[in-house]
């Protein structure tokens, strides 16, 4: 807490008013005292004592700190309210391809591979598919989950499985998918070591037609499988891959679909946005640009136009370069 929080003296009524605000948050947002103490940055024992009115220390200091937190919280809400939400999931041509590959993997079931550049809609597509279909589990990998054990731990977490024995993780997953007709989606699969990929193949084989697997990631996911498919470590996995979708960048119609969803029709704006959509970051970068442009326009009390789109793109380009 800053020294500024120590300078003000509060009346008993003011102390109570701030406490009442905290209690209202606890009730309406179903937050515990422990959670709020952590958010405010005050020790739990101090916070609970202050809230009950039994704290023997400097209550002015605590009330001032809570009041500062409340003001910051309201400012965050205000800022969030003016940031435009992107249109709901947009079924671009590429998204349709990704979803069809996922559907094939689940229905057959098979192993599907979706490999492509950043920002073309892979992750949004898999989450949309999971939202609309039962028994679909998404486990997202990163450099720290490249091994068999860490990969299986992520899959178990996605399935809400509690298994503490490392040696039993694979069996727990196999039991969960048995007879499920489900789909295991591994996002950012490029981080997995060969042994972890082979463990997924083993789960697929053990399930014996009960579950499909989708490996989703950058282009190295497929190039590894294709390039090393003749080696013993990859041969069994590569032979089980059914649908393969590989795409380095968004299709022209993907970009048009995003622009249409934002209801942009001015020719100059459309031309600029199409160029932005073809740059690194692709559809994700395009959406971020439109969100920022809308915020800039709102701040100036204007309708979003070419000026705001250019300014947004320049700001995002500068931050990326930095």
C-alpha atoms as a PDB file:
ATOM      1  CA  UNK A   1       0.000   0.000   0.000  1.00  0.00           C
ATOM      2  CA  UNK A   2       1.305   3.482  -0.850  1.00  0.00           C
ATOM      3  CA  UNK A   3       2.027   6.201   1.722  1.00  0.00           C
ATOM      4  CA  UNK A   4      -0.798   8.223   0.177  1.00  0.00           C
ATOM      5  CA  UNK A   5      -3.202   5.657   1.596  1.00  0.00           C
ATOM      6  CA  UNK A   6      -2.127   6.709   5.138  1.00  0.00           C
ATOM      7  CA  UNK A   7      -2.908  10.401   4.823  1.00  0.00           C
ATOM      8  CA  UNK A   8      -6.700  10.455   5.001  1.00  0.00           C
ATOM      9  CA  UNK A   9      -8.850  10.143   8.119  1.00  0.00           C
ATOM     10  CA  UNK A  10     -12.278   8.542   7.718  1.00  0.00           C
ATOM     11  CA  UNK A  11     -15.404   8.963   9.824  1.00  0.00           C
ATOM     12  CA  UNK A  12     -17.101   5.823  11.189  1.00  0.00           C
ATOM     13  CA  UNK A  13     -19.815   6.304   8.562  1.00  0.00           C
ATOM     14  CA  UNK A  14     -17.245   6.463   5.751  1.00  0.00           C
ATOM     15  CA  UNK A  15     -15.526   3.305   6.990  1.00  0.00           C
ATOM     16  CA  UNK A  16     -18.880   1.534   7.020  1.00  0.00           C
ATOM     17  CA  UNK A  17     -19.791   2.765   3.518  1.00  0.00           C
ATOM     18  CA  UNK A  18     -16.594   1.243   2.087  1.00  0.00           C
ATOM     19  CA  UNK A  19     -17.194  -2.011   3.979  1.00  0.00           C
ATOM     20  CA  UNK A  20     -20.726  -2.109   2.591  1.00  0.00           C
ATOM     21  CA  UNK A  21     -19.347  -1.817  -0.945  1.00  0.00           C
ATOM     22  CA  UNK A  22     -17.087  -4.798  -0.324  1.00  0.00           C
ATOM     23  CA  UNK A  23     -19.941  -6.867   1.102  1.00  0.00           C
ATOM     24  CA  UNK A  24     -22.080  -5.989  -1.925  1.00  0.00           C
ATOM     25  CA  UNK A  25     -19.324  -7.255  -4.245  1.00  0.00           C
ATOM     26  CA  UNK A  26     -19.055 -10.461  -2.222  1.00  0.00           C
ATOM     27  CA  UNK A  27     -22.800 -11.037  -2.532  1.00  0.00           C
ATOM     28  CA  UNK A  28     -23.392 -10.070  -6.153  1.00  0.00           C
ATOM     29  CA  UNK A  29     -20.220 -11.643  -7.560  1.00  0.00           C
ATOM     30  CA  UNK A  30     -20.015 -14.594  -5.163  1.00  0.00           C
ATOM     31  CA  UNK A  31     -16.471 -13.725  -4.098  1.00  0.00           C
ATOM     32  CA  UNK A  32     -14.887 -14.876  -0.862  1.00  0.00           C
ATOM     33  CA  UNK A  33     -13.067 -12.659   1.622  1.00  0.00           C
ATOM     34  CA  UNK A  34      -9.853 -14.493   0.759  1.00  0.00           C
ATOM     35  CA  UNK A  35     -10.267 -13.744  -2.951  1.00  0.00           C
ATOM     36  CA  UNK A  36     -10.979 -10.058  -2.345  1.00  0.00           C
ATOM     37  CA  UNK A  37      -8.108  -9.703   0.123  1.00  0.00           C
ATOM     38  CA  UNK A  38      -5.786 -11.047  -2.560  1.00  0.00           C
ATOM     39  CA  UNK A  39      -7.176  -8.680  -5.212  1.00  0.00           C
ATOM     40  CA  UNK A  40      -6.906  -5.645  -2.939  1.00  0.00           C
ATOM     41  CA  UNK A  41      -3.405  -6.643  -1.825  1.00  0.00           C
ATOM     42  CA  UNK A  42      -4.057  -6.816   1.917  1.00  0.00           C
ATOM     43  CA  UNK A  43      -3.193  -9.704   4.225  1.00  0.00           C
ATOM     44  CA  UNK A  44      -6.192 -11.961   4.777  1.00  0.00           C
ATOM     45  CA  UNK A  45      -6.228 -11.564   8.574  1.00  0.00           C
ATOM     46  CA  UNK A  46      -6.015  -7.798   8.305  1.00  0.00           C
ATOM     47  CA  UNK A  47      -8.720  -7.656   5.656  1.00  0.00           C
ATOM     48  CA  UNK A  48     -11.198  -9.831   7.552  1.00  0.00           C
ATOM     49  CA  UNK A  49     -10.612  -7.893  10.771  1.00  0.00           C
ATOM     50  CA  UNK A  50     -11.153  -4.583   8.972  1.00  0.00           C
ATOM     51  CA  UNK A  51     -14.297  -5.873   7.275  1.00  0.00           C
ATOM     52  CA  UNK A  52     -15.827  -7.060  10.565  1.00  0.00           C
ATOM     53  CA  UNK A  53     -14.849  -3.847  12.356  1.00  0.00           C
ATOM     54  CA  UNK A  54     -12.601  -5.658  14.805  1.00  0.00           C
ATOM     55  CA  UNK A  55      -9.216  -4.657  13.382  1.00  0.00           C
ATOM     56  CA  UNK A  56      -7.084  -2.995  16.062  1.00  0.00           C
ATOM     57  CA  UNK A  57      -4.596  -1.430  13.667  1.00  0.00           C
ATOM     58  CA  UNK A  58      -4.820   1.648  11.449  1.00  0.00           C
ATOM     59  CA  UNK A  59      -8.289   1.308   9.909  1.00  0.00           C
ATOM     60  CA  UNK A  60      -7.871   4.579   7.991  1.00  0.00           C
ATOM     61  CA  UNK A  61      -4.941   3.066   6.141  1.00  0.00           C
ATOM     62  CA  UNK A  62      -6.910  -0.069   5.207  1.00  0.00           C
ATOM     63  CA  UNK A  63     -10.057   1.823   4.193  1.00  0.00           C
ATOM     64  CA  UNK A  64      -8.003   4.170   2.002  1.00  0.00           C
ATOM     65  CA  UNK A  65      -6.329   1.195   0.283  1.00  0.00           C
ATOM     66  CA  UNK A  66      -9.680  -0.501  -0.326  1.00  0.00           C
ATOM     67  CA  UNK A  67     -11.148   2.738  -1.638  1.00  0.00           C
ATOM     68  CA  UNK A  68      -8.261   3.104  -4.111  1.00  0.00           C
ATOM     69  CA  UNK A  69      -8.850  -0.481  -5.251  1.00  0.00           C
ATOM     70  CA  UNK A  70     -12.574   0.172  -5.697  1.00  0.00           C
ATOM     71  CA  UNK A  71     -11.869   3.277  -7.784  1.00  0.00           C
ATOM     72  CA  UNK A  72      -9.400   1.369  -9.961  1.00  0.00           C
ATOM     73  CA  UNK A  73     -11.916  -1.426 -10.376  1.00  0.00           C
ATOM     74  CA  UNK A  74     -14.563   0.983 -11.617  1.00  0.00           C
ATOM     75  CA  UNK A  75     -12.099   2.562 -14.038  1.00  0.00           C
ATOM     76  CA  UNK A  76     -11.257  -0.873 -15.463  1.00  0.00           C
ATOM     77  CA  UNK A  77     -14.972  -1.539 -15.936  1.00  0.00           C
ATOM     78  CA  UNK A  78     -15.383   1.778 -17.717  1.00  0.00           C
ATOM     79  CA  UNK A  79     -12.455   1.122 -20.021  1.00  0.00           C
ATOM     80  CA  UNK A  80     -13.670  -2.391 -20.746  1.00  0.00           C
ATOM     81  CA  UNK A  81     -17.121  -1.078 -21.626  1.00  0.00           C
ATOM     82  CA  UNK A  82     -15.780   1.115 -24.420  1.00  0.00           C
ATOM     83  CA  UNK A  83     -13.549  -1.573 -25.919  1.00  0.00           C
ATOM     84  CA  UNK A  84     -15.649  -3.124 -28.689  1.00  0.00           C
ATOM     85  CA  UNK A  85     -16.169  -6.849 -28.683  1.00  0.00           C
ATOM     86  CA  UNK A  86     -15.275  -8.593 -31.881  1.00  0.00           C
ATOM     87  CA  UNK A  87     -18.203 -10.179 -33.685  1.00  0.00           C
ATOM     88  CA  UNK A  88     -19.064 -13.662 -32.477  1.00  0.00           C
ATOM     89  CA  UNK A  89     -17.331 -16.602 -34.128  1.00  0.00           C
ATOM     90  CA  UNK A  90     -17.148 -16.072 -37.880  1.00  0.00           C
ATOM     91  CA  UNK A  91     -17.356 -19.175 -40.036  1.00  0.00           C
ATOM     92  CA  UNK A  92     -14.706 -18.278 -42.572  1.00  0.00           C
ATOM     93  CA  UNK A  93     -13.863 -20.717 -45.386  1.00  0.00           C
ATOM     94  CA  UNK A  94     -10.747 -21.765 -43.468  1.00  0.00           C
ATOM     95  CA  UNK A  95     -12.717 -22.236 -40.252  1.00  0.00           C
ATOM     96  CA  UNK A  96     -15.094 -24.468 -42.183  1.00  0.00           C
ATOM     97  CA  UNK A  97     -12.144 -26.594 -43.317  1.00  0.00           C
ATOM     98  CA  UNK A  98     -10.809 -26.859 -39.772  1.00  0.00           C
ATOM     99  CA  UNK A  99     -14.195 -27.825 -38.347  1.00  0.00           C
ATOM    100  CA  UNK A 100     -14.732 -30.458 -41.014  1.00  0.00           C
ATOM    101  CA  UNK A 101     -11.362 -32.002 -40.138  1.00  0.00           C
ATOM    102  CA  UNK A 102     -12.371 -32.074 -36.473  1.00  0.00           C
ATOM    103  CA  UNK A 103     -15.748 -33.589 -37.286  1.00  0.00           C
ATOM    104  CA  UNK A 104     -14.098 -36.281 -39.407  1.00  0.00           C
ATOM    105  CA  UNK A 105     -11.669 -37.113 -36.597  1.00  0.00           C
ATOM    106  CA  UNK A 106     -14.504 -37.506 -34.097  1.00  0.00           C
ATOM    107  CA  UNK A 107     -16.993 -39.378 -36.260  1.00  0.00           C
ATOM    108  CA  UNK A 108     -14.695 -41.902 -37.937  1.00  0.00           C
ATOM    109  CA  UNK A 109     -12.756 -41.772 -35.492  1.00  0.00           C
ATOM    110  CA  UNK A 110      -9.375 -40.866 -36.947  1.00  0.00           C
ATOM    111  CA  UNK A 111      -6.301 -38.769 -36.280  1.00  0.00           C
ATOM    112  CA  UNK A 112      -6.526 -35.409 -38.050  1.00  0.00           C
ATOM    113  CA  UNK A 113      -3.815 -32.793 -38.435  1.00  0.00           C
ATOM    114  CA  UNK A 114      -4.520 -29.064 -38.737  1.00  0.00           C
ATOM    115  CA  UNK A 115      -1.332 -27.134 -39.403  1.00  0.00           C
ATOM    116  CA  UNK A 116      -1.006 -23.495 -40.350  1.00  0.00           C
ATOM    117  CA  UNK A 117       0.341 -20.035 -39.759  1.00  0.00           C
ATOM    118  CA  UNK A 118      -0.449 -17.835 -36.791  1.00  0.00           C
ATOM    119  CA  UNK A 119      -3.724 -15.952 -36.683  1.00  0.00           C
ATOM    120  CA  UNK A 120      -5.678 -17.879 -39.323  1.00  0.00           C
ATOM    121  CA  UNK A 121      -8.409 -19.032 -36.943  1.00  0.00           C
ATOM    122  CA  UNK A 122      -7.278 -22.497 -35.838  1.00  0.00           C
ATOM    123  CA  UNK A 123      -7.762 -21.986 -32.116  1.00  0.00           C
ATOM    124  CA  UNK A 124     -11.064 -20.115 -32.403  1.00  0.00           C
ATOM    125  CA  UNK A 125     -12.357 -22.898 -34.648  1.00  0.00           C
ATOM    126  CA  UNK A 126     -11.482 -25.695 -32.248  1.00  0.00           C
ATOM    127  CA  UNK A 127     -13.123 -23.882 -29.348  1.00  0.00           C
ATOM    128  CA  UNK A 128     -16.239 -23.287 -31.417  1.00  0.00           C
ATOM    129  CA  UNK A 129     -16.336 -26.963 -32.318  1.00  0.00           C
ATOM    130  CA  UNK A 130     -15.918 -27.961 -28.668  1.00  0.00           C
ATOM    131  CA  UNK A 131     -18.705 -25.584 -27.668  1.00  0.00           C
ATOM    132  CA  UNK A 132     -21.148 -27.297 -30.012  1.00  0.00           C
ATOM    133  CA  UNK A 133     -20.161 -30.940 -29.539  1.00  0.00           C
ATOM    134  CA  UNK A 134     -20.105 -33.317 -26.594  1.00  0.00           C
ATOM    135  CA  UNK A 135     -17.069 -35.169 -25.297  1.00  0.00           C
ATOM    136  CA  UNK A 136     -14.531 -32.850 -26.896  1.00  0.00           C
ATOM    137  CA  UNK A 137     -11.450 -32.105 -24.791  1.00  0.00           C
ATOM    138  CA  UNK A 138      -8.936 -29.390 -25.653  1.00  0.00           C
ATOM    139  CA  UNK A 139      -5.453 -29.586 -24.127  1.00  0.00           C
ATOM    140  CA  UNK A 140      -3.139 -26.717 -25.015  1.00  0.00           C
ATOM    141  CA  UNK A 141       0.589 -27.407 -25.044  1.00  0.00           C
ATOM    142  CA  UNK A 142       3.564 -25.129 -24.509  1.00  0.00           C
ATOM    143  CA  UNK A 143       7.325 -25.662 -24.159  1.00  0.00           C
ATOM    144  CA  UNK A 144       6.855 -26.847 -20.570  1.00  0.00           C
ATOM    145  CA  UNK A 145       4.447 -29.637 -21.574  1.00  0.00           C
ATOM    146  CA  UNK A 146       6.525 -31.309 -24.265  1.00  0.00           C
ATOM    147  CA  UNK A 147       7.141 -34.607 -22.452  1.00  0.00           C
ATOM    148  CA  UNK A 148       4.837 -37.603 -22.118  1.00  0.00           C
ATOM    149  CA  UNK A 149       4.082 -36.928 -18.457  1.00  0.00           C
ATOM    150  CA  UNK A 150       3.381 -33.203 -18.792  1.00  0.00           C
ATOM    151  CA  UNK A 151       1.315 -33.733 -21.942  1.00  0.00           C
ATOM    152  CA  UNK A 152      -0.811 -36.373 -20.224  1.00  0.00           C
ATOM    153  CA  UNK A 153      -1.241 -34.086 -17.215  1.00  0.00           C
ATOM    154  CA  UNK A 154      -2.706 -31.409 -19.483  1.00  0.00           C
ATOM    155  CA  UNK A 155      -5.040 -33.921 -21.127  1.00  0.00           C
ATOM    156  CA  UNK A 156      -6.198 -35.160 -17.697  1.00  0.00           C
ATOM    157  CA  UNK A 157      -6.866 -31.587 -16.606  1.00  0.00           C
ATOM    158  CA  UNK A 158      -8.916 -30.968 -19.746  1.00  0.00           C
ATOM    159  CA  UNK A 159     -10.959 -34.053 -18.882  1.00  0.00           C
ATOM    160  CA  UNK A 160     -11.305 -33.086 -15.202  1.00  0.00           C
ATOM    161  CA  UNK A 161      -9.498 -36.285 -14.239  1.00  0.00           C
ATOM    162  CA  UNK A 162      -7.658 -36.417 -10.928  1.00  0.00           C
ATOM    163  CA  UNK A 163      -4.801 -38.871 -11.200  1.00  0.00           C
ATOM    164  CA  UNK A 164      -1.690 -38.278  -9.099  1.00  0.00           C
ATOM    165  CA  UNK A 165       0.265 -41.307 -10.182  1.00  0.00           C
ATOM    166  CA  UNK A 166       2.392 -40.480 -13.211  1.00  0.00           C
ATOM    167  CA  UNK A 167       2.433 -44.130 -14.271  1.00  0.00           C
ATOM    168  CA  UNK A 168      -1.365 -44.264 -14.401  1.00  0.00           C
ATOM    169  CA  UNK A 169      -2.084 -41.095 -16.390  1.00  0.00           C
ATOM    170  CA  UNK A 170      -2.336 -42.825 -19.779  1.00  0.00           C
ATOM    171  CA  UNK A 171      -4.633 -45.516 -18.373  1.00  0.00           C
ATOM    172  CA  UNK A 172      -6.849 -42.878 -16.767  1.00  0.00           C
ATOM    173  CA  UNK A 173      -7.225 -41.110 -20.113  1.00  0.00           C
ATOM    174  CA  UNK A 174      -7.901 -44.400 -21.921  1.00  0.00           C
ATOM    175  CA  UNK A 175     -10.614 -45.321 -19.408  1.00  0.00           C
ATOM    176  CA  UNK A 176     -12.227 -41.904 -19.747  1.00  0.00           C
ATOM    177  CA  UNK A 177     -12.512 -42.038 -23.542  1.00  0.00           C
ATOM    178  CA  UNK A 178     -13.655 -45.651 -23.713  1.00  0.00           C
ATOM    179  CA  UNK A 179     -17.025 -45.747 -25.448  1.00  0.00           C
ATOM    180  CA  UNK A 180     -17.254 -41.948 -25.462  1.00  0.00           C
ATOM    181  CA  UNK A 181     -17.170 -41.294 -29.198  1.00  0.00           C
ATOM    182  CA  UNK A 182     -15.172 -38.246 -28.199  1.00  0.00           C
ATOM    183  CA  UNK A 183     -12.328 -36.169 -29.555  1.00  0.00           C
ATOM    184  CA  UNK A 184      -9.035 -35.163 -27.946  1.00  0.00           C
ATOM    185  CA  UNK A 185      -7.742 -31.908 -29.463  1.00  0.00           C
ATOM    186  CA  UNK A 186      -4.101 -31.068 -28.853  1.00  0.00           C
ATOM    187  CA  UNK A 187      -3.570 -27.378 -29.569  1.00  0.00           C
ATOM    188  CA  UNK A 188      -0.041 -26.014 -30.092  1.00  0.00           C
ATOM    189  CA  UNK A 189       0.994 -29.605 -30.817  1.00  0.00           C
ATOM    190  CA  UNK A 190       4.303 -28.467 -32.322  1.00  0.00           C
ATOM    191  CA  UNK A 191       5.703 -28.333 -28.781  1.00  0.00           C
ATOM    192  CA  UNK A 192       5.363 -32.092 -28.242  1.00  0.00           C
ATOM    193  CA  UNK A 193       8.361 -34.383 -28.367  1.00  0.00           C
ATOM    194  CA  UNK A 194       8.224 -37.480 -30.566  1.00  0.00           C
ATOM    195  CA  UNK A 195       7.619 -39.697 -27.529  1.00  0.00           C
ATOM    196  CA  UNK A 196       4.601 -37.625 -26.463  1.00  0.00           C
ATOM    197  CA  UNK A 197       3.121 -37.799 -29.961  1.00  0.00           C
ATOM    198  CA  UNK A 198       3.594 -41.547 -29.955  1.00  0.00           C
ATOM    199  CA  UNK A 199       1.850 -41.762 -26.574  1.00  0.00           C
ATOM    200  CA  UNK A 200      -1.191 -40.081 -28.131  1.00  0.00           C
ATOM    201  CA  UNK A 201      -1.082 -42.670 -30.898  1.00  0.00           C
ATOM    202  CA  UNK A 202      -1.005 -45.373 -28.250  1.00  0.00           C
ATOM    203  CA  UNK A 203      -4.083 -43.914 -26.529  1.00  0.00           C
ATOM    204  CA  UNK A 204      -5.854 -43.803 -29.882  1.00  0.00           C
ATOM    205  CA  UNK A 205      -5.012 -47.463 -30.547  1.00  0.00           C
ATOM    206  CA  UNK A 206      -5.977 -48.533 -27.050  1.00  0.00           C
ATOM    207  CA  UNK A 207      -9.351 -46.777 -27.331  1.00  0.00           C
ATOM    208  CA  UNK A 208     -10.100 -49.046 -30.304  1.00  0.00           C
ATOM    209  CA  UNK A 209     -12.518 -46.794 -32.154  1.00  0.00           C
ATOM    210  CA  UNK A 210     -13.777 -44.867 -29.102  1.00  0.00           C
ATOM    211  CA  UNK A 211     -11.978 -41.572 -29.625  1.00  0.00           C
ATOM    212  CA  UNK A 212     -10.455 -39.412 -32.332  1.00  0.00           C
ATOM    213  CA  UNK A 213      -7.427 -37.163 -31.985  1.00  0.00           C
ATOM    214  CA  UNK A 214      -6.716 -33.813 -33.648  1.00  0.00           C
ATOM    215  CA  UNK A 215      -3.215 -32.376 -33.667  1.00  0.00           C
ATOM    216  CA  UNK A 216      -3.383 -28.618 -34.173  1.00  0.00           C
ATOM    217  CA  UNK A 217      -0.430 -26.276 -34.459  1.00  0.00           C
ATOM    218  CA  UNK A 218       1.945 -24.448 -36.720  1.00  0.00           C
ATOM    219  CA  UNK A 219       3.228 -25.845 -39.982  1.00  0.00           C
ATOM    220  CA  UNK A 220       6.023 -27.798 -38.312  1.00  0.00           C
ATOM    221  CA  UNK A 221       3.415 -30.213 -36.913  1.00  0.00           C
ATOM    222  CA  UNK A 222       2.753 -31.658 -40.341  1.00  0.00           C
ATOM    223  CA  UNK A 223       6.245 -31.257 -41.768  1.00  0.00           C
ATOM    224  CA  UNK A 224       7.587 -33.327 -38.864  1.00  0.00           C
ATOM    225  CA  UNK A 225       5.049 -36.077 -39.479  1.00  0.00           C
ATOM    226  CA  UNK A 226       5.569 -36.025 -43.231  1.00  0.00           C
ATOM    227  CA  UNK A 227       9.340 -35.737 -43.118  1.00  0.00           C
ATOM    228  CA  UNK A 228       9.835 -38.332 -40.416  1.00  0.00           C
ATOM    229  CA  UNK A 229       6.881 -40.546 -41.280  1.00  0.00           C
ATOM    230  CA  UNK A 230       9.136 -43.279 -42.599  1.00  0.00           C
ATOM    231  CA  UNK A 231      11.107 -43.486 -39.354  1.00  0.00           C
ATOM    232  CA  UNK A 232      10.065 -46.052 -36.796  1.00  0.00           C
ATOM    233  CA  UNK A 233       9.196 -43.393 -34.199  1.00  0.00           C
ATOM    234  CA  UNK A 234       6.683 -41.733 -36.533  1.00  0.00           C
ATOM    235  CA  UNK A 235       5.619 -44.475 -38.925  1.00  0.00           C
ATOM    236  CA  UNK A 236       2.762 -45.810 -36.795  1.00  0.00           C
ATOM    237  CA  UNK A 237       1.412 -42.327 -36.104  1.00  0.00           C
ATOM    238  CA  UNK A 238       1.765 -41.103 -39.688  1.00  0.00           C
ATOM    239  CA  UNK A 239      -0.061 -44.154 -41.054  1.00  0.00           C
ATOM    240  CA  UNK A 240      -3.061 -43.352 -38.849  1.00  0.00           C
ATOM    241  CA  UNK A 241      -3.454 -39.739 -39.947  1.00  0.00           C
ATOM    242  CA  UNK A 242      -6.621 -39.266 -41.977  1.00  0.00           C
ATOM    243  CA  UNK A 243      -7.533 -35.679 -42.877  1.00  0.00           C
ATOM    244  CA  UNK A 244      -4.676 -33.227 -43.194  1.00  0.00           C
ATOM    245  CA  UNK A 245      -5.330 -29.480 -43.431  1.00  0.00           C
ATOM    246  CA  UNK A 246      -2.237 -27.378 -44.059  1.00  0.00           C
ATOM    247  CA  UNK A 247      -2.481 -23.645 -44.656  1.00  0.00           C
ATOM    248  CA  UNK A 248       0.249 -21.055 -44.271  1.00  0.00           C
ATOM    249  CA  UNK A 249      -1.894 -17.917 -44.427  1.00  0.00           C
ATOM    250  CA  UNK A 250      -5.559 -16.897 -44.517  1.00  0.00           C
ATOM    251  CA  UNK A 251      -7.581 -17.181 -47.680  1.00  0.00           C
ATOM    252  CA  UNK A 252      -8.766 -13.994 -49.368  1.00  0.00           C
ATOM    253  CA  UNK A 253     -12.355 -14.934 -48.522  1.00  0.00           C
ATOM    254  CA  UNK A 254     -11.405 -15.305 -44.838  1.00  0.00           C
ATOM    255  CA  UNK A 255     -10.309 -11.678 -44.746  1.00  0.00           C
ATOM    256  CA  UNK A 256     -13.463 -10.573 -46.559  1.00  0.00           C
ATOM    257  CA  UNK A 257     -15.591 -12.481 -44.051  1.00  0.00           C
ATOM    258  CA  UNK A 258     -14.008 -10.602 -41.141  1.00  0.00           C
ATOM    259  CA  UNK A 259     -14.446  -7.247 -42.859  1.00  0.00           C
ATOM    260  CA  UNK A 260     -18.074  -8.037 -43.659  1.00  0.00           C
ATOM    261  CA  UNK A 261     -18.723  -9.082 -40.045  1.00  0.00           C
ATOM    262  CA  UNK A 262     -17.543  -5.645 -38.900  1.00  0.00           C
ATOM    263  CA  UNK A 263     -19.929  -4.084 -41.449  1.00  0.00           C
ATOM    264  CA  UNK A 264     -17.219  -2.129 -43.258  1.00  0.00           C
ATOM    265  CA  UNK A 265     -18.079  -1.097 -46.808  1.00  0.00           C
ATOM    266  CA  UNK A 266     -15.970   1.999 -47.627  1.00  0.00           C
ATOM    267  CA  UNK A 267     -13.620   1.065 -50.469  1.00  0.00           C
ATOM    268  CA  UNK A 268     -10.465   2.648 -49.036  1.00  0.00           C
ATOM    269  CA  UNK A 269     -11.041   1.058 -45.644  1.00  0.00           C
ATOM    270  CA  UNK A 270     -11.669  -2.335 -47.213  1.00  0.00           C
ATOM    271  CA  UNK A 271      -8.472  -2.124 -49.290  1.00  0.00           C
ATOM    272  CA  UNK A 272      -6.377  -1.225 -46.254  1.00  0.00           C
ATOM    273  CA  UNK A 273      -7.919  -3.940 -44.102  1.00  0.00           C
ATOM    274  CA  UNK A 274      -7.326  -6.569 -46.791  1.00  0.00           C
ATOM    275  CA  UNK A 275      -3.656  -5.567 -46.825  1.00  0.00           C
ATOM    276  CA  UNK A 276      -3.492  -5.786 -43.006  1.00  0.00           C
ATOM    277  CA  UNK A 277      -5.100  -9.227 -43.087  1.00  0.00           C
ATOM    278  CA  UNK A 278      -2.333 -10.496 -45.386  1.00  0.00           C
ATOM    279  CA  UNK A 279       0.411  -9.414 -42.981  1.00  0.00           C
ATOM    280  CA  UNK A 280       1.898 -11.526 -40.143  1.00  0.00           C
ATOM    281  CA  UNK A 281      -0.761 -11.985 -37.502  1.00  0.00           C
ATOM    282  CA  UNK A 282      -3.385 -12.434 -40.200  1.00  0.00           C
ATOM    283  CA  UNK A 283      -6.997 -12.498 -39.010  1.00  0.00           C
ATOM    284  CA  UNK A 284      -6.045 -12.045 -35.362  1.00  0.00           C
ATOM    285  CA  UNK A 285      -4.091  -8.913 -36.218  1.00  0.00           C
ATOM    286  CA  UNK A 286      -6.945  -7.667 -38.377  1.00  0.00           C
ATOM    287  CA  UNK A 287      -9.419  -8.045 -35.518  1.00  0.00           C
ATOM    288  CA  UNK A 288      -7.107  -6.313 -33.033  1.00  0.00           C
ATOM    289  CA  UNK A 289      -6.674  -3.439 -35.470  1.00  0.00           C
ATOM    290  CA  UNK A 290     -10.430  -3.006 -35.843  1.00  0.00           C
ATOM    291  CA  UNK A 291     -10.964  -3.112 -32.090  1.00  0.00           C
ATOM    292  CA  UNK A 292      -8.318  -0.458 -31.467  1.00  0.00           C
ATOM    293  CA  UNK A 293      -9.598   1.691 -34.336  1.00  0.00           C
ATOM    294  CA  UNK A 294     -13.064   1.620 -32.806  1.00  0.00           C
ATOM    295  CA  UNK A 295     -11.673   2.657 -29.408  1.00  0.00           C
ATOM    296  CA  UNK A 296      -9.762   5.550 -30.994  1.00  0.00           C
ATOM    297  CA  UNK A 297     -12.875   6.695 -32.826  1.00  0.00           C
ATOM    298  CA  UNK A 298     -14.950   6.483 -29.653  1.00  0.00           C
ATOM    299  CA  UNK A 299     -12.394   8.581 -27.786  1.00  0.00           C
ATOM    300  CA  UNK A 300     -12.741  11.298 -30.412  1.00  0.00           C
ATOM    301  CA  UNK A 301     -16.522  11.056 -30.499  1.00  0.00           C
ATOM    302  CA  UNK A 302     -16.464  10.027 -34.156  1.00  0.00           C
ATOM    303  CA  UNK A 303     -17.553   7.117 -36.294  1.00  0.00           C
ATOM    304  CA  UNK A 304     -14.696   4.762 -37.085  1.00  0.00           C
ATOM    305  CA  UNK A 305     -13.085   5.668 -40.407  1.00  0.00           C
ATOM    306  CA  UNK A 306      -9.899   5.263 -42.434  1.00  0.00           C
ATOM    307  CA  UNK A 307      -7.974   7.651 -40.193  1.00  0.00           C
ATOM    308  CA  UNK A 308      -8.623   5.544 -37.113  1.00  0.00           C
ATOM    309  CA  UNK A 309      -7.763   2.283 -38.891  1.00  0.00           C
ATOM    310  CA  UNK A 310      -4.442   3.729 -40.063  1.00  0.00           C
ATOM    311  CA  UNK A 311      -3.659   5.037 -36.575  1.00  0.00           C
ATOM    312  CA  UNK A 312      -4.528   1.702 -34.993  1.00  0.00           C
ATOM    313  CA  UNK A 313      -2.374  -0.232 -37.438  1.00  0.00           C
ATOM    314  CA  UNK A 314       0.579   2.092 -36.829  1.00  0.00           C
ATOM    315  CA  UNK A 315       0.282   1.703 -33.069  1.00  0.00           C
ATOM    316  CA  UNK A 316       0.043  -2.074 -33.252  1.00  0.00           C
ATOM    317  CA  UNK A 317       2.958  -2.246 -35.691  1.00  0.00           C
ATOM    318  CA  UNK A 318       5.091  -0.099 -33.381  1.00  0.00           C
ATOM    319  CA  UNK A 319       4.273  -2.195 -30.305  1.00  0.00           C
ATOM    320  CA  UNK A 320       5.036  -5.406 -32.218  1.00  0.00           C
ATOM    321  CA  UNK A 321       8.378  -4.073 -33.388  1.00  0.00           C
ATOM    322  CA  UNK A 322       9.275  -3.042 -29.864  1.00  0.00           C
END
